[in-house]
Amino acid sequence: MAKVIISQVRSAIGRPERQKRTIQALGLGKINKSVEVEYTPQIQGMVNKVSHLVSVTEL
C-alpha cells in the first residue's frame, strides 16, 4: 500500500457528529495537524467522507 500524508485544513466545529468522529478516527483534531498512514480502502473511504476538511498528499 502507498503511504499518504493527511492534513486537516478546515475546522470540524459546527459539523455533524459523524464527521467529527471520522476526523478523530483519522488521528486529526486540530487545523494543520498531519498524520502519515497507509492508503487502505478503509482510510480512503474516511477521507472521502471528510474531503472538504482535509488534504491528502502522496509520498
C-alpha atoms as a PDB file:
ATOM      1  CA  MET A   1       0.000   0.000   0.000  1.00  0.00           C
ATOM      2  CA  ALA A   2       1.049   3.544  -0.686  1.00  0.00           C
ATOM      3  CA  LYS A   3       1.725   5.927   2.183  1.00  0.00           C
ATOM      4  CA  VAL A   4      -0.039   9.283   2.271  1.00  0.00           C
ATOM      5  CA  ILE A   5       0.011  12.340   4.489  1.00  0.00           C
ATOM      6  CA  ILE A   6      -3.441  13.503   5.579  1.00  0.00           C
ATOM      7  CA  SER A   7      -3.638  17.065   6.906  1.00  0.00           C
ATOM      8  CA  GLN A   8      -6.629  18.805   8.431  1.00  0.00           C
ATOM      9  CA  VAL A   9      -7.143  22.148   6.695  1.00  0.00           C
ATOM     10  CA  ARG A  10     -10.581  23.200   7.998  1.00  0.00           C
ATOM     11  CA  SER A  11     -12.238  23.122  11.396  1.00  0.00           C
ATOM     12  CA  ALA A  12     -14.724  20.451  12.440  1.00  0.00           C
ATOM     13  CA  ILE A  13     -16.670  22.948  14.577  1.00  0.00           C
ATOM     14  CA  GLY A  14     -20.305  23.043  13.526  1.00  0.00           C
ATOM     15  CA  ARG A  15     -20.016  19.824  11.524  1.00  0.00           C
ATOM     16  CA  PRO A  16     -22.185  16.741  12.065  1.00  0.00           C
ATOM     17  CA  GLU A  17     -21.068  14.398  14.851  1.00  0.00           C
ATOM     18  CA  ARG A  18     -20.267  11.692  12.299  1.00  0.00           C
ATOM     19  CA  GLN A  19     -17.715  13.924  10.563  1.00  0.00           C
ATOM     20  CA  LYS A  20     -16.160  14.901  13.900  1.00  0.00           C
ATOM     21  CA  ARG A  21     -15.725  11.222  14.785  1.00  0.00           C
ATOM     22  CA  THR A  22     -14.200  10.488  11.385  1.00  0.00           C
ATOM     23  CA  ILE A  23     -11.637  13.264  11.911  1.00  0.00           C
ATOM     24  CA  GLN A  24     -10.772  11.760  15.318  1.00  0.00           C
ATOM     25  CA  ALA A  25     -10.519   8.265  13.830  1.00  0.00           C
ATOM     26  CA  LEU A  26      -8.004   9.566  11.294  1.00  0.00           C
ATOM     27  CA  GLY A  27      -5.871  10.867  14.173  1.00  0.00           C
ATOM     28  CA  LEU A  28      -6.580  14.518  13.491  1.00  0.00           C
ATOM     29  CA  GLY A  29      -8.403  17.148  15.537  1.00  0.00           C
ATOM     30  CA  LYS A  30      -6.653  20.466  15.060  1.00  0.00           C
ATOM     31  CA  ILE A  31      -6.067  22.544  11.954  1.00  0.00           C
ATOM     32  CA  ASN A  32      -2.674  21.893  10.286  1.00  0.00           C
ATOM     33  CA  LYS A  33      -2.186  18.597  12.139  1.00  0.00           C
ATOM     34  CA  SER A  34      -0.907  15.841   9.838  1.00  0.00           C
ATOM     35  CA  VAL A  35      -0.653  12.074  10.015  1.00  0.00           C
ATOM     36  CA  GLU A  36       1.167   9.601   7.779  1.00  0.00           C
ATOM     37  CA  VAL A  37      -0.875   6.459   7.073  1.00  0.00           C
ATOM     38  CA  GLU A  38      -1.131   3.641   4.565  1.00  0.00           C
ATOM     39  CA  TYR A  39      -3.820   4.400   1.980  1.00  0.00           C
ATOM     40  CA  THR A  40      -6.065   1.390   2.550  1.00  0.00           C
ATOM     41  CA  PRO A  41      -9.649   1.224   1.266  1.00  0.00           C
ATOM     42  CA  GLN A  42     -10.871   1.989   4.809  1.00  0.00           C
ATOM     43  CA  ILE A  43      -8.758   5.150   5.065  1.00  0.00           C
ATOM     44  CA  GLN A  44      -9.782   6.144   1.528  1.00  0.00           C
ATOM     45  CA  GLY A  45     -13.471   5.895   2.499  1.00  0.00           C
ATOM     46  CA  MET A  46     -12.951   8.020   5.606  1.00  0.00           C
ATOM     47  CA  VAL A  47     -11.072  10.654   3.595  1.00  0.00           C
ATOM     48  CA  ASN A  48     -13.912  10.745   1.051  1.00  0.00           C
ATOM     49  CA  LYS A  49     -16.422  11.480   3.837  1.00  0.00           C
ATOM     50  CA  VAL A  50     -14.437  14.467   5.140  1.00  0.00           C
ATOM     51  CA  SER A  51     -12.673  15.519   1.931  1.00  0.00           C
ATOM     52  CA  HIS A  52     -13.839  19.123   2.447  1.00  0.00           C
ATOM     53  CA  LEU A  53     -11.944  19.243   5.768  1.00  0.00           C
ATOM     54  CA  VAL A  54      -8.655  17.507   4.848  1.00  0.00           C
ATOM     55  CA  SER A  55      -5.986  17.423   2.169  1.00  0.00           C
ATOM     56  CA  VAL A  56      -4.129  14.309   1.031  1.00  0.00           C
ATOM     57  CA  THR A  57      -0.534  14.264  -0.211  1.00  0.00           C
ATOM     58  CA  GLU A  58       1.061  11.130  -1.655  1.00  0.00           C
ATOM     59  CA  LEU A  59       4.598  10.240  -0.651  1.00  0.00           C
END
